[in-house]
Amino acid sequence: MAERVRVKALNPPGHVRAPWYLRGKQGVIERPLGTFSNPEQLAYGLAADGKPLYRVRFTMSEIWGEAAENPDDTLDAEIYGHWLERLDAHAP
């Protein structure tokens, strides 16, 4: 069973890597992609922590609501784990 997640609906200043249109939206983890240096830290020349990166799948109906032309179509986005809230019992 795929793990359900929500993209955190945060609005921090500066360089961030979570698309606006996905913040607060729910999806499922399609697969983990590994651990990578945090680009939000790298953008400022800081030492970067390793962060897990996930491919998350969203339905068009979740993203666009009733305005979705094809509600069951999906969009996959690569999102770092510190932007995700697990909706299931498992921790990232």
PDB file of N, CA and C in Angstrom:
ATOM      1  N   MET A   1       0.844  -1.181   0.000  1.00  0.00           N
ATOM      2  CA  MET A   1       0.000   0.000   0.000  1.00  0.00           C
ATOM      3  C   MET A   1       0.893   1.249   0.000  1.00  0.00           C
ATOM      4  N   ALA A   2       0.581   2.191  -0.837  1.00  0.00           N
ATOM      5  CA  ALA A   2       1.363   3.431  -0.937  1.00  0.00           C
ATOM      6  C   ALA A   2       1.128   4.307   0.295  1.00  0.00           C
ATOM      7  N   GLU A   3       2.178   4.976   0.728  1.00  0.00           N
ATOM      8  CA  GLU A   3       2.067   5.849   1.892  1.00  0.00           C
ATOM      9  C   GLU A   3       1.512   7.202   1.477  1.00  0.00           C
ATOM     10  N   ARG A   4       0.496   7.634   2.190  1.00  0.00           N
ATOM     11  CA  ARG A   4      -0.131   8.927   1.918  1.00  0.00           C
ATOM     12  C   ARG A   4       0.618  10.023   2.664  1.00  0.00           C
ATOM     13  N   VAL A   5       0.814  11.144   1.990  1.00  0.00           N
ATOM     14  CA  VAL A   5       1.520  12.283   2.566  1.00  0.00           C
ATOM     15  C   VAL A   5       0.808  13.578   2.193  1.00  0.00           C
ATOM     16  N   ARG A   6       1.128  14.619   2.927  1.00  0.00           N
ATOM     17  CA  ARG A   6       0.662  15.967   2.608  1.00  0.00           C
ATOM     18  C   ARG A   6       1.892  16.858   2.533  1.00  0.00           C
ATOM     19  N   VAL A   7       1.947  17.702   1.524  1.00  0.00           N
ATOM     20  CA  VAL A   7       3.027  18.678   1.429  1.00  0.00           C
ATOM     21  C   VAL A   7       2.722  19.773   2.444  1.00  0.00           C
ATOM     22  N   LYS A   8       3.697  20.099   3.269  1.00  0.00           N
ATOM     23  CA  LYS A   8       3.492  21.118   4.298  1.00  0.00           C
ATOM     24  C   LYS A   8       3.108  22.444   3.653  1.00  0.00           C
ATOM     25  N   ALA A   9       2.149  23.094   4.254  1.00  0.00           N
ATOM     26  CA  ALA A   9       1.657  24.380   3.742  1.00  0.00           C
ATOM     27  C   ALA A   9       2.399  25.518   4.423  1.00  0.00           C
ATOM     28  N   LEU A  10       3.715  25.526   4.261  1.00  0.00           N
ATOM     29  CA  LEU A  10       4.567  26.543   4.867  1.00  0.00           C
ATOM     30  C   LEU A  10       4.845  27.655   3.858  1.00  0.00           C
ATOM     31  N   ASN A  11       5.226  28.804   4.384  1.00  0.00           N
ATOM     32  CA  ASN A  11       5.572  29.940   3.539  1.00  0.00           C
ATOM     33  C   ASN A  11       6.861  30.586   4.045  1.00  0.00           C
ATOM     34  N   PRO A  12       7.955  29.814   4.104  1.00  0.00           N
ATOM     35  CA  PRO A  12       9.198  30.394   4.608  1.00  0.00           C
ATOM     36  C   PRO A  12       9.816  31.336   3.564  1.00  0.00           C
ATOM     37  N   PRO A  13      10.585  32.298   4.021  1.00  0.00           N
ATOM     38  CA  PRO A  13      11.264  33.185   3.065  1.00  0.00           C
ATOM     39  C   PRO A  13      12.428  32.459   2.402  1.00  0.00           C
ATOM     40  N   GLY A  14      12.864  32.965   1.276  1.00  0.00           N
ATOM     41  CA  GLY A  14      14.075  32.450   0.647  1.00  0.00           C
ATOM     42  C   GLY A  14      13.823  31.361  -0.368  1.00  0.00           C
ATOM     43  N   HIS A  15      14.890  30.653  -0.670  1.00  0.00           N
ATOM     44  CA  HIS A  15      14.902  29.612  -1.694  1.00  0.00           C
ATOM     45  C   HIS A  15      14.336  28.323  -1.113  1.00  0.00           C
ATOM     46  N   VAL A  16      13.198  27.875  -1.601  1.00  0.00           N
ATOM     47  CA  VAL A  16      12.612  26.610  -1.142  1.00  0.00           C
ATOM     48  C   VAL A  16      12.287  25.737  -2.348  1.00  0.00           C
ATOM     49  N   ARG A  17      12.139  24.452  -2.088  1.00  0.00           N
ATOM     50  CA  ARG A  17      11.991  23.493  -3.177  1.00  0.00           C
ATOM     51  C   ARG A  17      10.650  22.774  -3.189  1.00  0.00           C
ATOM     52  N   ALA A  18       9.618  23.387  -2.655  1.00  0.00           N
ATOM     53  CA  ALA A  18       8.282  22.794  -2.713  1.00  0.00           C
ATOM     54  C   ALA A  18       7.397  23.720  -3.538  1.00  0.00           C
ATOM     55  N   PRO A  19       6.865  23.234  -4.656  1.00  0.00           N
ATOM     56  CA  PRO A  19       6.034  24.093  -5.501  1.00  0.00           C
ATOM     57  C   PRO A  19       4.819  24.641  -4.751  1.00  0.00           C
ATOM     58  N   TRP A  20       4.509  25.894  -5.004  1.00  0.00           N
ATOM     59  CA  TRP A  20       3.355  26.542  -4.350  1.00  0.00           C
ATOM     60  C   TRP A  20       2.071  25.766  -4.569  1.00  0.00           C
ATOM     61  N   TYR A  21       1.837  25.338  -5.794  1.00  0.00           N
ATOM     62  CA  TYR A  21       0.556  24.705  -6.118  1.00  0.00           C
ATOM     63  C   TYR A  21       0.386  23.335  -5.471  1.00  0.00           C
ATOM     64  N   LEU A  22       1.465  22.777  -4.875  1.00  0.00           N
ATOM     65  CA  LEU A  22       1.363  21.492  -4.190  1.00  0.00           C
ATOM     66  C   LEU A  22       1.325  21.636  -2.671  1.00  0.00           C
ATOM     67  N   ARG A  23       1.593  22.808  -2.148  1.00  0.00           N
ATOM     68  CA  ARG A  23       1.603  22.977  -0.689  1.00  0.00           C
ATOM     69  C   ARG A  23       0.193  22.790  -0.137  1.00  0.00           C
ATOM     70  N   GLY A  24       0.113  21.940   0.884  1.00  0.00           N
ATOM     71  CA  GLY A  24      -1.174  21.611   1.499  1.00  0.00           C
ATOM     72  C   GLY A  24      -1.923  20.494   0.791  1.00  0.00           C
ATOM     73  N   LYS A  25      -1.387  19.993  -0.325  1.00  0.00           N
ATOM     74  CA  LYS A  25      -2.056  18.939  -1.099  1.00  0.00           C
ATOM     75  C   LYS A  25      -1.594  17.564  -0.646  1.00  0.00           C
ATOM     76  N   GLN A  26      -2.485  16.578  -0.813  1.00  0.00           N
ATOM     77  CA  GLN A  26      -2.189  15.205  -0.433  1.00  0.00           C
ATOM     78  C   GLN A  26      -1.848  14.373  -1.653  1.00  0.00           C
ATOM     79  N   GLY A  27      -0.910  13.465  -1.463  1.00  0.00           N
ATOM     80  CA  GLY A  27      -0.525  12.545  -2.519  1.00  0.00           C
ATOM     81  C   GLY A  27      -0.037  11.249  -1.909  1.00  0.00           C
ATOM     82  N   VAL A  28       0.536  10.397  -2.741  1.00  0.00           N
ATOM     83  CA  VAL A  28       1.107   9.135  -2.263  1.00  0.00           C
ATOM     84  C   VAL A  28       2.556   9.059  -2.731  1.00  0.00           C
ATOM     85  N   ILE A  29       3.376   8.459  -1.894  1.00  0.00           N
ATOM     86  CA  ILE A  29       4.772   8.277  -2.274  1.00  0.00           C
ATOM     87  C   ILE A  29       4.822   7.193  -3.338  1.00  0.00           C
ATOM     88  N   GLU A  30       5.283   7.569  -4.505  1.00  0.00           N
ATOM     89  CA  GLU A  30       5.431   6.619  -5.604  1.00  0.00           C
ATOM     90  C   GLU A  30       6.681   5.783  -5.379  1.00  0.00           C
ATOM     91  N   ARG A  31       7.763   6.447  -4.911  1.00  0.00           N
ATOM     92  CA  ARG A  31       8.984   5.726  -4.548  1.00  0.00           C
ATOM     93  C   ARG A  31       9.988   6.683  -3.912  1.00  0.00           C
ATOM     94  N   PRO A  32      10.862   6.163  -3.038  1.00  0.00           N
ATOM     95  CA  PRO A  32      11.977   6.969  -2.533  1.00  0.00           C
ATOM     96  C   PRO A  32      13.068   7.044  -3.600  1.00  0.00           C
ATOM     97  N   LEU A  33      13.767   8.158  -3.647  1.00  0.00           N
ATOM     98  CA  LEU A  33      14.801   8.368  -4.659  1.00  0.00           C
ATOM     99  C   LEU A  33      16.209   8.406  -4.084  1.00  0.00           C
ATOM    100  N   GLY A  34      16.334   8.351  -2.767  1.00  0.00           N
ATOM    101  CA  GLY A  34      17.647   8.397  -2.140  1.00  0.00           C
ATOM    102  C   GLY A  34      17.816   9.637  -1.285  1.00  0.00           C
ATOM    103  N   THR A  35      19.023   9.828  -0.790  1.00  0.00           N
ATOM    104  CA  THR A  35      19.342  10.973   0.064  1.00  0.00           C
ATOM    105  C   THR A  35      20.271  11.907  -0.695  1.00  0.00           C
ATOM    106  N   PHE A  36      19.953  13.189  -0.648  1.00  0.00           N
ATOM    107  CA  PHE A  36      20.713  14.195  -1.380  1.00  0.00           C
ATOM    108  C   PHE A  36      20.961  15.407  -0.487  1.00  0.00           C
ATOM    109  N   SER A  37      21.963  16.192  -0.834  1.00  0.00           N
ATOM    110  CA  SER A  37      22.236  17.429  -0.095  1.00  0.00           C
ATOM    111  C   SER A  37      21.042  18.364  -0.216  1.00  0.00           C
ATOM    112  N   ASN A  38      20.720  19.011   0.880  1.00  0.00           N
ATOM    113  CA  ASN A  38      19.563  19.906   0.930  1.00  0.00           C
ATOM    114  C   ASN A  38      19.806  21.131   0.041  1.00  0.00           C
ATOM    115  N   PRO A  39      19.064  21.272  -1.074  1.00  0.00           N
ATOM    116  CA  PRO A  39      19.286  22.393  -1.984  1.00  0.00           C
ATOM    117  C   PRO A  39      18.913  23.741  -1.369  1.00  0.00           C
ATOM    118  N   GLU A  40      18.075  23.726  -0.355  1.00  0.00           N
ATOM    119  CA  GLU A  40      17.692  24.974   0.311  1.00  0.00           C
ATOM    120  C   GLU A  40      18.872  25.552   1.084  1.00  0.00           C
ATOM    121  N   GLN A  41      19.752  24.695   1.571  1.00  0.00           N
ATOM    122  CA  GLN A  41      20.971  25.148   2.235  1.00  0.00           C
ATOM    123  C   GLN A  41      22.052  25.467   1.212  1.00  0.00           C
ATOM    124  N   LEU A  42      22.167  24.637   0.191  1.00  0.00           N
ATOM    125  CA  LEU A  42      23.181  24.854  -0.840  1.00  0.00           C
ATOM    126  C   LEU A  42      22.996  26.199  -1.549  1.00  0.00           C
ATOM    127  N   ALA A  43      21.744  26.633  -1.708  1.00  0.00           N
ATOM    128  CA  ALA A  43      21.460  27.895  -2.406  1.00  0.00           C
ATOM    129  C   ALA A  43      22.113  29.090  -1.714  1.00  0.00           C
ATOM    130  N   TYR A  44      22.395  28.950  -0.414  1.00  0.00           N
ATOM    131  CA  TYR A  44      23.008  30.039   0.353  1.00  0.00           C
ATOM    132  C   TYR A  44      24.462  29.760   0.704  1.00  0.00           C
ATOM    133  N   GLY A  45      25.046  28.748   0.070  1.00  0.00           N
ATOM    134  CA  GLY A  45      26.441  28.424   0.310  1.00  0.00           C
ATOM    135  C   GLY A  45      26.696  27.795   1.665  1.00  0.00           C
ATOM    136  N   LEU A  46      25.662  27.232   2.275  1.00  0.00           N
ATOM    137  CA  LEU A  46      25.799  26.600   3.591  1.00  0.00           C
ATOM    138  C   LEU A  46      26.154  25.131   3.432  1.00  0.00           C
ATOM    139  N   ALA A  47      26.717  24.565   4.488  1.00  0.00           N
ATOM    140  CA  ALA A  47      26.932  23.119   4.516  1.00  0.00           C
ATOM    141  C   ALA A  47      25.557  22.461   4.481  1.00  0.00           C
ATOM    142  N   ALA A  48      25.374  21.497   3.611  1.00  0.00           N
ATOM    143  CA  ALA A  48      24.047  20.923   3.394  1.00  0.00           C
ATOM    144  C   ALA A  48      23.902  19.562   4.053  1.00  0.00           C
ATOM    145  N   ASP A  49      22.825  19.414   4.807  1.00  0.00           N
ATOM    146  CA  ASP A  49      22.467  18.134   5.403  1.00  0.00           C
ATOM    147  C   ASP A  49      21.940  17.214   4.307  1.00  0.00           C
ATOM    148  N   GLY A  50      22.065  15.923   4.522  1.00  0.00           N
ATOM    149  CA  GLY A  50      21.452  14.959   3.612  1.00  0.00           C
ATOM    150  C   GLY A  50      19.970  14.845   3.915  1.00  0.00           C
ATOM    151  N   LYS A  51      19.148  14.950   2.899  1.00  0.00           N
ATOM    152  CA  LYS A  51      17.691  14.863   3.050  1.00  0.00           C
ATOM    153  C   LYS A  51      17.159  13.806   2.094  1.00  0.00           C
ATOM    154  N   PRO A  52      16.192  12.993   2.547  1.00  0.00           N
ATOM    155  CA  PRO A  52      15.588  12.022   1.637  1.00  0.00           C
ATOM    156  C   PRO A  52      14.701  12.734   0.614  1.00  0.00           C
ATOM    157  N   LEU A  53      14.752  12.235  -0.610  1.00  0.00           N
ATOM    158  CA  LEU A  53      13.950  12.783  -1.693  1.00  0.00           C
ATOM    159  C   LEU A  53      12.967  11.707  -2.137  1.00  0.00           C
ATOM    160  N   TYR A  54      11.721  12.114  -2.374  1.00  0.00           N
ATOM    161  CA  TYR A  54      10.672  11.179  -2.762  1.00  0.00           C
ATOM    162  C   TYR A  54       9.987  11.645  -4.036  1.00  0.00           C
ATOM    163  N   ARG A  55       9.542  10.684  -4.827  1.00  0.00           N
ATOM    164  CA  ARG A  55       8.634  10.995  -5.935  1.00  0.00           C
ATOM    165  C   ARG A  55       7.231  10.805  -5.383  1.00  0.00           C
ATOM    166  N   VAL A  56       6.447  11.877  -5.415  1.00  0.00           N
ATOM    167  CA  VAL A  56       5.099  11.869  -4.854  1.00  0.00           C
ATOM    168  C   VAL A  56       4.102  12.050  -5.993  1.00  0.00           C
ATOM    169  N   ARG A  57       3.067  11.240  -5.982  1.00  0.00           N
ATOM    170  CA  ARG A  57       2.036  11.276  -7.029  1.00  0.00           C
ATOM    171  C   ARG A  57       0.765  11.940  -6.487  1.00  0.00           C
ATOM    172  N   PHE A  58       0.273  12.904  -7.255  1.00  0.00           N
ATOM    173  CA  PHE A  58      -0.936  13.648  -6.928  1.00  0.00           C
ATOM    174  C   PHE A  58      -1.955  13.464  -8.048  1.00  0.00           C
ATOM    175  N   THR A  59      -3.233  13.398  -7.697  1.00  0.00           N
ATOM    176  CA  THR A  59      -4.255  13.404  -8.741  1.00  0.00           C
ATOM    177  C   THR A  59      -4.555  14.853  -9.112  1.00  0.00           C
ATOM    178  N   MET A  60      -5.001  15.030 -10.338  1.00  0.00           N
ATOM    179  CA  MET A  60      -5.373  16.380 -10.783  1.00  0.00           C
ATOM    180  C   MET A  60      -6.533  16.923  -9.961  1.00  0.00           C
ATOM    181  N   SER A  61      -7.439  16.036  -9.536  1.00  0.00           N
ATOM    182  CA  SER A  61      -8.554  16.513  -8.713  1.00  0.00           C
ATOM    183  C   SER A  61      -8.057  17.045  -7.373  1.00  0.00           C
ATOM    184  N   GLU A  62      -6.989  16.451  -6.807  1.00  0.00           N
ATOM    185  CA  GLU A  62      -6.421  16.959  -5.552  1.00  0.00           C
ATOM    186  C   GLU A  62      -5.787  18.322  -5.772  1.00  0.00           C
ATOM    187  N   ILE A  63      -5.105  18.493  -6.890  1.00  0.00           N
ATOM    188  CA  ILE A  63      -4.402  19.749  -7.139  1.00  0.00           C
ATOM    189  C   ILE A  63      -5.359  20.861  -7.545  1.00  0.00           C
ATOM    190  N   TRP A  64      -6.257  20.577  -8.484  1.00  0.00           N
ATOM    191  CA  TRP A  64      -7.073  21.644  -9.087  1.00  0.00           C
ATOM    192  C   TRP A  64      -8.546  21.605  -8.695  1.00  0.00           C
ATOM    193  N   GLY A  65      -8.950  20.614  -7.903  1.00  0.00           N
ATOM    194  CA  GLY A  65     -10.338  20.529  -7.477  1.00  0.00           C
ATOM    195  C   GLY A  65     -11.282  20.312  -8.652  1.00  0.00           C
ATOM    196  N   GLU A  66     -12.426  20.947  -8.610  1.00  0.00           N
ATOM    197  CA  GLU A  66     -13.438  20.774  -9.660  1.00  0.00           C
ATOM    198  C   GLU A  66     -13.004  21.353 -10.999  1.00  0.00           C
ATOM    199  N   ALA A  67     -11.968  22.173 -11.015  1.00  0.00           N
ATOM    200  CA  ALA A  67     -11.476  22.755 -12.267  1.00  0.00           C
ATOM    201  C   ALA A  67     -10.623  21.761 -13.068  1.00  0.00           C
ATOM    202  N   ALA A  68     -10.305  20.604 -12.505  1.00  0.00           N
ATOM    203  CA  ALA A  68      -9.481  19.618 -13.198  1.00  0.00           C
ATOM    204  C   ALA A  68     -10.238  19.055 -14.394  1.00  0.00           C
ATOM    205  N   GLU A  69      -9.649  19.166 -15.574  1.00  0.00           N
ATOM    206  CA  GLU A  69     -10.287  18.637 -16.781  1.00  0.00           C
ATOM    207  C   GLU A  69     -10.342  17.119 -16.775  1.00  0.00           C
ATOM    208  N   ASN A  70      -9.274  16.491 -16.281  1.00  0.00           N
ATOM    209  CA  ASN A  70      -9.183  15.024 -16.197  1.00  0.00           C
ATOM    210  C   ASN A  70      -8.821  14.665 -14.761  1.00  0.00           C
ATOM    211  N   PRO A  71      -9.809  14.608 -13.878  1.00  0.00           N
ATOM    212  CA  PRO A  71      -9.554  14.465 -12.439  1.00  0.00           C
ATOM    213  C   PRO A  71      -8.701  13.276 -12.032  1.00  0.00           C
ATOM    214  N   ASP A  72      -8.753  12.190 -12.795  1.00  0.00           N
ATOM    215  CA  ASP A  72      -8.008  10.986 -12.425  1.00  0.00           C
ATOM    216  C   ASP A  72      -6.588  10.960 -12.975  1.00  0.00           C
ATOM    217  N   ASP A  73      -6.240  11.903 -13.851  1.00  0.00           N
ATOM    218  CA  ASP A  73      -4.859  11.990 -14.318  1.00  0.00           C
ATOM    219  C   ASP A  73      -3.970  12.333 -13.129  1.00  0.00           C
ATOM    220  N   THR A  74      -2.681  12.032 -13.254  1.00  0.00           N
ATOM    221  CA  THR A  74      -1.766  12.262 -12.137  1.00  0.00           C
ATOM    222  C   THR A  74      -0.590  13.124 -12.542  1.00  0.00           C
ATOM    223  N   LEU A  75       0.029  13.691 -11.543  1.00  0.00           N
ATOM    224  CA  LEU A  75       1.259  14.455 -11.683  1.00  0.00           C
ATOM    225  C   LEU A  75       2.233  13.927 -10.645  1.00  0.00           C
ATOM    226  N   ASP A  76       3.468  13.650 -11.042  1.00  0.00           N
ATOM    227  CA  ASP A  76       4.510  13.221 -10.115  1.00  0.00           C
ATOM    228  C   ASP A  76       5.465  14.384  -9.877  1.00  0.00           C
ATOM    229  N   ALA A  77       5.827  14.595  -8.618  1.00  0.00           N
ATOM    230  CA  ALA A  77       6.767  15.654  -8.251  1.00  0.00           C
ATOM    231  C   ALA A  77       7.790  15.069  -7.294  1.00  0.00           C
ATOM    232  N   GLU A  78       9.014  15.543  -7.413  1.00  0.00           N
ATOM    233  CA  GLU A  78      10.079  15.111  -6.501  1.00  0.00           C
ATOM    234  C   GLU A  78      10.161  16.126  -5.370  1.00  0.00           C
ATOM    235  N   ILE A  79       9.923  15.652  -4.148  1.00  0.00           N
ATOM    236  CA  ILE A  79       9.812  16.526  -2.987  1.00  0.00           C
ATOM    237  C   ILE A  79      10.655  15.954  -1.853  1.00  0.00           C
ATOM    238  N   TYR A  80      11.411  16.831  -1.212  1.00  0.00           N
ATOM    239  CA  TYR A  80      12.250  16.422  -0.089  1.00  0.00           C
ATOM    240  C   TYR A  80      11.402  16.087   1.136  1.00  0.00           C
ATOM    241  N   GLY A  81      11.868  15.107   1.896  1.00  0.00           N
ATOM    242  CA  GLY A  81      11.135  14.593   3.045  1.00  0.00           C
ATOM    243  C   GLY A  81      10.786  15.631   4.094  1.00  0.00           C
ATOM    244  N   HIS A  82      11.624  16.670   4.262  1.00  0.00           N
ATOM    245  CA  HIS A  82      11.316  17.656   5.298  1.00  0.00           C
ATOM    246  C   HIS A  82      10.121  18.537   4.907  1.00  0.00           C
ATOM    247  N   TRP A  83       9.626  18.408   3.687  1.00  0.00           N
ATOM    248  CA  TRP A  83       8.422  19.108   3.242  1.00  0.00           C
ATOM    249  C   TRP A  83       7.176  18.247   3.343  1.00  0.00           C
ATOM    250  N   LEU A  84       7.328  16.988   3.773  1.00  0.00           N
ATOM    251  CA  LEU A  84       6.201  16.061   3.779  1.00  0.00           C
ATOM    252  C   LEU A  84       5.745  15.727   5.184  1.00  0.00           C
ATOM    253  N   GLU A  85       4.428  15.627   5.333  1.00  0.00           N
ATOM    254  CA  GLU A  85       3.806  15.126   6.568  1.00  0.00           C
ATOM    255  C   GLU A  85       3.162  13.798   6.219  1.00  0.00           C
ATOM    256  N   ARG A  86       3.524  12.767   6.952  1.00  0.00           N
ATOM    257  CA  ARG A  86       2.937  11.458   6.711  1.00  0.00           C
ATOM    258  C   ARG A  86       1.495  11.430   7.231  1.00  0.00           C
ATOM    259  N   LEU A  87       0.602  10.916   6.450  1.00  0.00           N
ATOM    260  CA  LEU A  87      -0.784  10.764   6.870  1.00  0.00           C
ATOM    261  C   LEU A  87      -1.048   9.362   7.379  1.00  0.00           C
ATOM    262  N   ASP A  88      -0.102   8.468   7.125  1.00  0.00           N
ATOM    263  CA  ASP A  88      -0.189   7.093   7.621  1.00  0.00           C
ATOM    264  C   ASP A  88       0.675   6.995   8.877  1.00  0.00           C
ATOM    265  N   ALA A  89       0.699   5.843   9.475  1.00  0.00           N
ATOM    266  CA  ALA A  89       1.408   5.654  10.748  1.00  0.00           C
ATOM    267  C   ALA A  89       2.926   5.679  10.628  1.00  0.00           C
ATOM    268  N   HIS A  90       3.483   5.470   9.440  1.00  0.00           N
ATOM    269  CA  HIS A  90       4.934   5.382   9.282  1.00  0.00           C
ATOM    270  C   HIS A  90       5.576   6.759   9.251  1.00  0.00           C
ATOM    271  N   ALA A  91       6.748   6.875   9.831  1.00  0.00           N
ATOM    272  CA  ALA A  91       7.525   8.124   9.794  1.00  0.00           C
ATOM    273  C   ALA A  91       8.449   8.111   8.585  1.00  0.00           C
ATOM    274  N   PRO A  92       8.808   9.305   8.044  1.00  0.00           N
ATOM    275  CA  PRO A  92       9.724   9.333   6.887  1.00  0.00           C
ATOM    276  C   PRO A  92      11.104   8.821   7.229  1.00  0.00           C
TER     277      PRO A  92
END
